């Protein structure tokens, strides 16, 4: 069943009006029309089966019954990702949304090859939000992750912390004594968490030191160095396994 995002849908509503781009996708791309059954979700965890009742520009869907969406992780995970080059960041956003993150915080670090100002001018956060929405529609989630405004690493450090904060570092960090994800198996599951992933060039020693001073735990994925655009997928998959049992 085709799924459509209806952010204005509230509990108890009999009808949902789709945003213009969603309505055009329904009518012009998929060629659906009155009488067709579709699924609509509000991005906040609610999903319904509905029947298209008309409208070429302002498409309306009559709510028929509640539908169970894909389950969410028990931990609200924020991916704090250093912005990557070219379209690699698009891939990270797509996969992170599919793997269940609650939010994505893009950051600019010492080795990031762009600036916060450039990202804002290019409206990259808007693009990443559209990518996250497409991923959510595909994977069956009814929660749309919050794609936040890019920040510098220093500015992000001044933000309020989650209950658990993990910074992925190179296997050789701290003389090779950095713990791996296996240590988390023996610890209580946090209420919320942040996972920091660095850029292609990795974290600087100064950034690692600042993170340690703020109580951010450094952890490694093991003895192999992963590509920057694959590290988030590996880390989020492991955390999903450890925390969703």
C-alpha atoms as a PDB file:
ATOM      1  CA  UNK A   1       0.000   0.000   0.000  1.00  0.00           C
ATOM      2  CA  UNK A   2       1.376   3.407  -0.922  1.00  0.00           C
ATOM      3  CA  UNK A   3       2.172   5.640   2.071  1.00  0.00           C
ATOM      4  CA  UNK A   4       1.815   9.418   2.250  1.00  0.00           C
ATOM      5  CA  UNK A   5       2.925  12.022   4.773  1.00  0.00           C
ATOM      6  CA  UNK A   6       0.090  14.075   6.282  1.00  0.00           C
ATOM      7  CA  UNK A   7       1.679  16.299   8.957  1.00  0.00           C
ATOM      8  CA  UNK A   8      -1.577  18.141   9.688  1.00  0.00           C
ATOM      9  CA  UNK A   9      -3.435  14.975  10.615  1.00  0.00           C
ATOM     10  CA  UNK A  10      -4.622  14.939  14.225  1.00  0.00           C
ATOM     11  CA  UNK A  11      -6.096  12.104  16.252  1.00  0.00           C
ATOM     12  CA  UNK A  12      -9.822  11.918  15.649  1.00  0.00           C
ATOM     13  CA  UNK A  13      -9.724  13.650  12.253  1.00  0.00           C
ATOM     14  CA  UNK A  14     -12.042  12.128   9.673  1.00  0.00           C
ATOM     15  CA  UNK A  15     -10.108  13.541   6.728  1.00  0.00           C
ATOM     16  CA  UNK A  16      -6.458  14.263   5.997  1.00  0.00           C
ATOM     17  CA  UNK A  17      -5.341  16.843   3.434  1.00  0.00           C
ATOM     18  CA  UNK A  18      -2.010  15.953   1.874  1.00  0.00           C
ATOM     19  CA  UNK A  19       0.740  18.548   1.349  1.00  0.00           C
ATOM     20  CA  UNK A  20       0.955  19.756  -2.255  1.00  0.00           C
ATOM     21  CA  UNK A  21       3.989  17.649  -3.196  1.00  0.00           C
ATOM     22  CA  UNK A  22       2.486  14.514  -1.639  1.00  0.00           C
ATOM     23  CA  UNK A  23      -0.801  15.106  -3.431  1.00  0.00           C
ATOM     24  CA  UNK A  24       0.936  15.586  -6.775  1.00  0.00           C
ATOM     25  CA  UNK A  25       2.895  12.384  -6.250  1.00  0.00           C
ATOM     26  CA  UNK A  26      -0.361  10.536  -5.566  1.00  0.00           C
ATOM     27  CA  UNK A  27      -2.220  11.845  -8.607  1.00  0.00           C
ATOM     28  CA  UNK A  28       0.421  12.567 -11.237  1.00  0.00           C
ATOM     29  CA  UNK A  29       3.113   9.974 -10.532  1.00  0.00           C
ATOM     30  CA  UNK A  30       1.185   7.036  -9.102  1.00  0.00           C
ATOM     31  CA  UNK A  31      -2.037   7.857 -10.968  1.00  0.00           C
ATOM     32  CA  UNK A  32      -4.202   7.159  -7.943  1.00  0.00           C
ATOM     33  CA  UNK A  33      -7.643   8.695  -7.568  1.00  0.00           C
ATOM     34  CA  UNK A  34     -10.977   8.612  -5.715  1.00  0.00           C
ATOM     35  CA  UNK A  35     -11.713   5.265  -4.130  1.00  0.00           C
ATOM     36  CA  UNK A  36      -8.115   4.065  -3.924  1.00  0.00           C
ATOM     37  CA  UNK A  37      -6.876   2.901  -0.520  1.00  0.00           C
ATOM     38  CA  UNK A  38      -3.647   4.423   0.783  1.00  0.00           C
ATOM     39  CA  UNK A  39      -1.821   4.763   4.097  1.00  0.00           C
ATOM     40  CA  UNK A  40      -1.272   8.177   5.702  1.00  0.00           C
ATOM     41  CA  UNK A  41       1.032   8.964   8.626  1.00  0.00           C
ATOM     42  CA  UNK A  42       1.607  12.128  10.624  1.00  0.00           C
ATOM     43  CA  UNK A  43       5.367  11.863  11.298  1.00  0.00           C
ATOM     44  CA  UNK A  44       4.691  11.603  15.038  1.00  0.00           C
ATOM     45  CA  UNK A  45       4.032   7.871  15.188  1.00  0.00           C
ATOM     46  CA  UNK A  46       0.419   7.574  14.000  1.00  0.00           C
ATOM     47  CA  UNK A  47      -0.621   5.841  10.795  1.00  0.00           C
ATOM     48  CA  UNK A  48      -4.010   5.168   9.217  1.00  0.00           C
ATOM     49  CA  UNK A  49      -5.552   3.456   6.233  1.00  0.00           C
ATOM     50  CA  UNK A  50      -7.583   5.910   4.208  1.00  0.00           C
ATOM     51  CA  UNK A  51      -9.554   6.244   0.992  1.00  0.00           C
ATOM     52  CA  UNK A  52      -8.826   8.958  -1.538  1.00  0.00           C
ATOM     53  CA  UNK A  53     -11.977  11.057  -1.867  1.00  0.00           C
ATOM     54  CA  UNK A  54     -10.925  13.548  -4.519  1.00  0.00           C
ATOM     55  CA  UNK A  55      -8.996  16.668  -5.313  1.00  0.00           C
ATOM     56  CA  UNK A  56      -6.417  17.200  -8.035  1.00  0.00           C
ATOM     57  CA  UNK A  57      -4.396  19.888  -6.260  1.00  0.00           C
ATOM     58  CA  UNK A  58      -5.551  19.573  -2.627  1.00  0.00           C
ATOM     59  CA  UNK A  59      -5.866  15.818  -2.261  1.00  0.00           C
ATOM     60  CA  UNK A  60      -8.013  14.598   0.636  1.00  0.00           C
ATOM     61  CA  UNK A  61      -8.012  11.167   2.210  1.00  0.00           C
ATOM     62  CA  UNK A  62     -10.869   9.842   4.351  1.00  0.00           C
ATOM     63  CA  UNK A  63      -9.552   7.987   7.386  1.00  0.00           C
ATOM     64  CA  UNK A  64     -10.867   4.423   7.564  1.00  0.00           C
ATOM     65  CA  UNK A  65      -8.909   2.720  10.344  1.00  0.00           C
ATOM     66  CA  UNK A  66      -5.728   2.880  12.374  1.00  0.00           C
ATOM     67  CA  UNK A  67      -2.743   0.973  11.022  1.00  0.00           C
ATOM     68  CA  UNK A  68       0.255  -0.305  12.975  1.00  0.00           C
ATOM     69  CA  UNK A  69       3.494   1.230  11.646  1.00  0.00           C
ATOM     70  CA  UNK A  70       6.988  -0.218  11.931  1.00  0.00           C
ATOM     71  CA  UNK A  71       8.159  -0.309  15.571  1.00  0.00           C
ATOM     72  CA  UNK A  72      10.425   2.430  16.916  1.00  0.00           C
ATOM     73  CA  UNK A  73      13.613   1.930  18.892  1.00  0.00           C
ATOM     74  CA  UNK A  74      13.178   2.042  22.694  1.00  0.00           C
ATOM     75  CA  UNK A  75      16.000   4.624  22.854  1.00  0.00           C
ATOM     76  CA  UNK A  76      15.718   8.069  21.237  1.00  0.00           C
ATOM     77  CA  UNK A  77      19.002   8.165  19.316  1.00  0.00           C
ATOM     78  CA  UNK A  78      20.401  11.370  17.831  1.00  0.00           C
ATOM     79  CA  UNK A  79      23.029  10.881  15.147  1.00  0.00           C
ATOM     80  CA  UNK A  80      25.566  13.711  15.409  1.00  0.00           C
ATOM     81  CA  UNK A  81      27.246  13.453  12.028  1.00  0.00           C
ATOM     82  CA  UNK A  82      30.126  15.533  10.710  1.00  0.00           C
ATOM     83  CA  UNK A  83      29.049  16.688   7.259  1.00  0.00           C
ATOM     84  CA  UNK A  84      30.612  14.540   4.538  1.00  0.00           C
ATOM     85  CA  UNK A  85      31.645  15.458   1.006  1.00  0.00           C
ATOM     86  CA  UNK A  86      29.450  15.373  -2.107  1.00  0.00           C
ATOM     87  CA  UNK A  87      26.392  13.133  -1.783  1.00  0.00           C
ATOM     88  CA  UNK A  88      27.805  10.929   0.985  1.00  0.00           C
ATOM     89  CA  UNK A  89      25.857  12.899   3.591  1.00  0.00           C
ATOM     90  CA  UNK A  90      22.648  12.173   1.679  1.00  0.00           C
ATOM     91  CA  UNK A  91      23.351   8.455   2.024  1.00  0.00           C
ATOM     92  CA  UNK A  92      23.998   8.774   5.759  1.00  0.00           C
ATOM     93  CA  UNK A  93      20.718  10.653   6.309  1.00  0.00           C
ATOM     94  CA  UNK A  94      18.763   8.090   4.289  1.00  0.00           C
ATOM     95  CA  UNK A  95      20.228   5.116   6.154  1.00  0.00           C
ATOM     96  CA  UNK A  96      19.985   6.734   9.591  1.00  0.00           C
ATOM     97  CA  UNK A  97      16.282   7.448   9.086  1.00  0.00           C
ATOM     98  CA  UNK A  98      15.769   3.835   7.992  1.00  0.00           C
ATOM     99  CA  UNK A  99      17.641   2.540  11.054  1.00  0.00           C
ATOM    100  CA  UNK A 100      15.368   4.415  13.449  1.00  0.00           C
ATOM    101  CA  UNK A 101      17.108   7.568  14.670  1.00  0.00           C
ATOM    102  CA  UNK A 102      14.967  10.187  16.369  1.00  0.00           C
ATOM    103  CA  UNK A 103      17.093  13.105  15.144  1.00  0.00           C
ATOM    104  CA  UNK A 104      20.058  13.956  12.943  1.00  0.00           C
ATOM    105  CA  UNK A 105      22.378  16.792  13.980  1.00  0.00           C
ATOM    106  CA  UNK A 106      24.834  17.798  11.220  1.00  0.00           C
ATOM    107  CA  UNK A 107      28.031  19.340  12.570  1.00  0.00           C
ATOM    108  CA  UNK A 108      31.082  21.048  11.096  1.00  0.00           C
ATOM    109  CA  UNK A 109      34.401  19.906  12.574  1.00  0.00           C
ATOM    110  CA  UNK A 110      38.015  20.932  12.050  1.00  0.00           C
ATOM    111  CA  UNK A 111      38.387  18.549   9.102  1.00  0.00           C
ATOM    112  CA  UNK A 112      34.964  19.087   7.539  1.00  0.00           C
ATOM    113  CA  UNK A 113      35.352  20.545   4.056  1.00  0.00           C
ATOM    114  CA  UNK A 114      32.556  23.105   4.331  1.00  0.00           C
ATOM    115  CA  UNK A 115      31.213  25.739   6.743  1.00  0.00           C
ATOM    116  CA  UNK A 116      27.997  26.196   8.677  1.00  0.00           C
ATOM    117  CA  UNK A 117      27.289  29.341   6.652  1.00  0.00           C
ATOM    118  CA  UNK A 118      27.650  27.496   3.347  1.00  0.00           C
ATOM    119  CA  UNK A 119      25.331  24.708   4.494  1.00  0.00           C
ATOM    120  CA  UNK A 120      22.688  27.225   5.550  1.00  0.00           C
ATOM    121  CA  UNK A 121      22.922  29.171   2.270  1.00  0.00           C
ATOM    122  CA  UNK A 122      22.609  25.970   0.272  1.00  0.00           C
ATOM    123  CA  UNK A 123      19.570  24.926   2.366  1.00  0.00           C
ATOM    124  CA  UNK A 124      21.142  21.536   2.874  1.00  0.00           C
ATOM    125  CA  UNK A 125      19.032  20.801   5.962  1.00  0.00           C
ATOM    126  CA  UNK A 126      15.873  21.118   3.843  1.00  0.00           C
ATOM    127  CA  UNK A 127      17.316  18.669   1.339  1.00  0.00           C
ATOM    128  CA  UNK A 128      18.246  16.219   4.086  1.00  0.00           C
ATOM    129  CA  UNK A 129      14.748  16.465   5.537  1.00  0.00           C
ATOM    130  CA  UNK A 130      13.270  15.469   2.165  1.00  0.00           C
ATOM    131  CA  UNK A 131      15.675  12.530   1.993  1.00  0.00           C
ATOM    132  CA  UNK A 132      14.716  11.457   5.520  1.00  0.00           C
ATOM    133  CA  UNK A 133      11.027  11.627   4.605  1.00  0.00           C
ATOM    134  CA  UNK A 134      11.529   9.463   1.514  1.00  0.00           C
ATOM    135  CA  UNK A 135      13.410   6.910   3.625  1.00  0.00           C
ATOM    136  CA  UNK A 136      10.715   6.861   6.309  1.00  0.00           C
ATOM    137  CA  UNK A 137       8.017   6.308   3.689  1.00  0.00           C
ATOM    138  CA  UNK A 138       9.958   3.400   2.215  1.00  0.00           C
ATOM    139  CA  UNK A 139      10.854   1.602   5.447  1.00  0.00           C
ATOM    140  CA  UNK A 140       7.446   1.810   7.123  1.00  0.00           C
ATOM    141  CA  UNK A 141       8.203   4.184   9.984  1.00  0.00           C
ATOM    142  CA  UNK A 142       5.534   6.672  11.031  1.00  0.00           C
ATOM    143  CA  UNK A 143       8.008   8.937  12.865  1.00  0.00           C
ATOM    144  CA  UNK A 144       9.913  11.527  10.834  1.00  0.00           C
ATOM    145  CA  UNK A 145      13.353  12.231  12.335  1.00  0.00           C
ATOM    146  CA  UNK A 146      14.174  15.808  13.208  1.00  0.00           C
ATOM    147  CA  UNK A 147      16.917  17.016  10.831  1.00  0.00           C
ATOM    148  CA  UNK A 148      18.416  19.926  12.721  1.00  0.00           C
ATOM    149  CA  UNK A 149      20.194  23.081  11.637  1.00  0.00           C
ATOM    150  CA  UNK A 150      23.949  22.479  11.191  1.00  0.00           C
ATOM    151  CA  UNK A 151      26.202  23.551  14.064  1.00  0.00           C
ATOM    152  CA  UNK A 152      29.922  23.831  14.613  1.00  0.00           C
ATOM    153  CA  UNK A 153      31.395  21.132  16.835  1.00  0.00           C
ATOM    154  CA  UNK A 154      32.129  23.700  19.572  1.00  0.00           C
ATOM    155  CA  UNK A 155      28.549  25.013  19.463  1.00  0.00           C
ATOM    156  CA  UNK A 156      27.156  21.508  19.648  1.00  0.00           C
ATOM    157  CA  UNK A 157      29.249  20.788  22.739  1.00  0.00           C
ATOM    158  CA  UNK A 158      27.394  23.605  24.500  1.00  0.00           C
ATOM    159  CA  UNK A 159      24.016  21.999  23.781  1.00  0.00           C
ATOM    160  CA  UNK A 160      22.216  19.918  26.462  1.00  0.00           C
ATOM    161  CA  UNK A 161      23.470  16.322  26.577  1.00  0.00           C
ATOM    162  CA  UNK A 162      21.513  13.108  26.248  1.00  0.00           C
ATOM    163  CA  UNK A 163      21.734  10.448  28.958  1.00  0.00           C
ATOM    164  CA  UNK A 164      24.345   8.629  26.908  1.00  0.00           C
ATOM    165  CA  UNK A 165      26.820  10.139  24.444  1.00  0.00           C
ATOM    166  CA  UNK A 166      29.180   8.014  22.362  1.00  0.00           C
ATOM    167  CA  UNK A 167      31.957   9.308  20.100  1.00  0.00           C
ATOM    168  CA  UNK A 168      33.280   6.875  17.501  1.00  0.00           C
ATOM    169  CA  UNK A 169      37.044   7.097  17.197  1.00  0.00           C
ATOM    170  CA  UNK A 170      39.790   5.317  15.293  1.00  0.00           C
ATOM    171  CA  UNK A 171      40.829   1.882  16.616  1.00  0.00           C
ATOM    172  CA  UNK A 172      44.267   3.313  17.476  1.00  0.00           C
ATOM    173  CA  UNK A 173      42.887   6.138  19.636  1.00  0.00           C
ATOM    174  CA  UNK A 174      44.146   6.375  23.205  1.00  0.00           C
ATOM    175  CA  UNK A 175      46.955   3.943  22.425  1.00  0.00           C
ATOM    176  CA  UNK A 176      44.581   1.234  21.258  1.00  0.00           C
ATOM    177  CA  UNK A 177      42.837   0.992  24.650  1.00  0.00           C
ATOM    178  CA  UNK A 178      39.499   2.464  23.523  1.00  0.00           C
ATOM    179  CA  UNK A 179      36.660   0.058  24.390  1.00  0.00           C
ATOM    180  CA  UNK A 180      34.378  -1.476  21.779  1.00  0.00           C
ATOM    181  CA  UNK A 181      30.591  -1.715  21.653  1.00  0.00           C
ATOM    182  CA  UNK A 182      30.644  -4.996  23.564  1.00  0.00           C
ATOM    183  CA  UNK A 183      30.978  -3.058  26.842  1.00  0.00           C
ATOM    184  CA  UNK A 184      27.442  -1.728  26.323  1.00  0.00           C
ATOM    185  CA  UNK A 185      25.985  -5.229  26.655  1.00  0.00           C
ATOM    186  CA  UNK A 186      26.637  -5.151  30.392  1.00  0.00           C
ATOM    187  CA  UNK A 187      25.141  -1.691  31.000  1.00  0.00           C
ATOM    188  CA  UNK A 188      21.575  -0.390  31.465  1.00  0.00           C
ATOM    189  CA  UNK A 189      19.814   0.824  28.344  1.00  0.00           C
ATOM    190  CA  UNK A 190      19.766   4.652  28.358  1.00  0.00           C
ATOM    191  CA  UNK A 191      16.597   6.690  27.883  1.00  0.00           C
ATOM    192  CA  UNK A 192      18.187   8.639  25.057  1.00  0.00           C
ATOM    193  CA  UNK A 193      21.582   8.744  23.404  1.00  0.00           C
ATOM    194  CA  UNK A 194      23.807  10.664  20.996  1.00  0.00           C
ATOM    195  CA  UNK A 195      26.226   9.004  18.580  1.00  0.00           C
ATOM    196  CA  UNK A 196      29.034  11.177  17.171  1.00  0.00           C
ATOM    197  CA  UNK A 197      30.596  10.265  13.823  1.00  0.00           C
ATOM    198  CA  UNK A 198      33.537  12.234  12.444  1.00  0.00           C
ATOM    199  CA  UNK A 199      34.367  13.402   8.883  1.00  0.00           C
ATOM    200  CA  UNK A 200      36.508  11.671   6.258  1.00  0.00           C
ATOM    201  CA  UNK A 201      39.698  12.915   7.912  1.00  0.00           C
ATOM    202  CA  UNK A 202      38.613  11.843  11.388  1.00  0.00           C
ATOM    203  CA  UNK A 203      38.597  13.765  14.653  1.00  0.00           C
ATOM    204  CA  UNK A 204      41.522  15.921  15.716  1.00  0.00           C
ATOM    205  CA  UNK A 205      43.263  15.247  19.016  1.00  0.00           C
ATOM    206  CA  UNK A 206      41.910  18.546  20.307  1.00  0.00           C
ATOM    207  CA  UNK A 207      38.329  17.552  19.475  1.00  0.00           C
ATOM    208  CA  UNK A 208      38.747  14.196  21.204  1.00  0.00           C
ATOM    209  CA  UNK A 209      40.154  15.951  24.274  1.00  0.00           C
ATOM    210  CA  UNK A 210      37.246  18.423  24.361  1.00  0.00           C
ATOM    211  CA  UNK A 211      34.740  15.595  24.102  1.00  0.00           C
ATOM    212  CA  UNK A 212      36.368  13.725  26.981  1.00  0.00           C
ATOM    213  CA  UNK A 213      36.269  16.884  29.105  1.00  0.00           C
ATOM    214  CA  UNK A 214      32.506  17.091  28.494  1.00  0.00           C
ATOM    215  CA  UNK A 215      31.997  13.507  29.592  1.00  0.00           C
ATOM    216  CA  UNK A 216      31.433  12.080  26.115  1.00  0.00           C
ATOM    217  CA  UNK A 217      32.469   8.473  25.981  1.00  0.00           C
ATOM    218  CA  UNK A 218      34.835   7.368  23.239  1.00  0.00           C
ATOM    219  CA  UNK A 219      34.280   3.998  21.649  1.00  0.00           C
ATOM    220  CA  UNK A 220      35.461   2.069  18.621  1.00  0.00           C
ATOM    221  CA  UNK A 221      33.837  -0.288  16.148  1.00  0.00           C
ATOM    222  CA  UNK A 222      36.791  -2.649  16.337  1.00  0.00           C
ATOM    223  CA  UNK A 223      40.182  -3.107  14.748  1.00  0.00           C
ATOM    224  CA  UNK A 224      39.252  -2.033  11.224  1.00  0.00           C
ATOM    225  CA  UNK A 225      38.910   1.537   9.983  1.00  0.00           C
ATOM    226  CA  UNK A 226      35.563   2.075   8.248  1.00  0.00           C
ATOM    227  CA  UNK A 227      34.668   4.662   5.651  1.00  0.00           C
ATOM    228  CA  UNK A 228      33.083   7.757   7.162  1.00  0.00           C
ATOM    229  CA  UNK A 229      29.809   7.181   5.285  1.00  0.00           C
ATOM    230  CA  UNK A 230      29.569   3.571   6.530  1.00  0.00           C
ATOM    231  CA  UNK A 231      30.445   4.111  10.183  1.00  0.00           C
ATOM    232  CA  UNK A 232      27.006   5.459  11.082  1.00  0.00           C
ATOM    233  CA  UNK A 233      25.246   2.456   9.528  1.00  0.00           C
ATOM    234  CA  UNK A 234      27.436   0.016  11.454  1.00  0.00           C
ATOM    235  CA  UNK A 235      27.098   1.865  14.756  1.00  0.00           C
ATOM    236  CA  UNK A 236      23.336   2.334  14.531  1.00  0.00           C
ATOM    237  CA  UNK A 237      22.782  -1.289  13.547  1.00  0.00           C
ATOM    238  CA  UNK A 238      24.807  -2.496  16.533  1.00  0.00           C
ATOM    239  CA  UNK A 239      22.989  -0.169  18.939  1.00  0.00           C
ATOM    240  CA  UNK A 240      19.636  -1.237  17.549  1.00  0.00           C
ATOM    241  CA  UNK A 241      20.563  -4.855  18.251  1.00  0.00           C
ATOM    242  CA  UNK A 242      21.844  -4.135  21.765  1.00  0.00           C
ATOM    243  CA  UNK A 243      19.030  -1.823  22.867  1.00  0.00           C
ATOM    244  CA  UNK A 244      16.003  -3.340  21.150  1.00  0.00           C
ATOM    245  CA  UNK A 245      15.906  -6.812  22.679  1.00  0.00           C
END
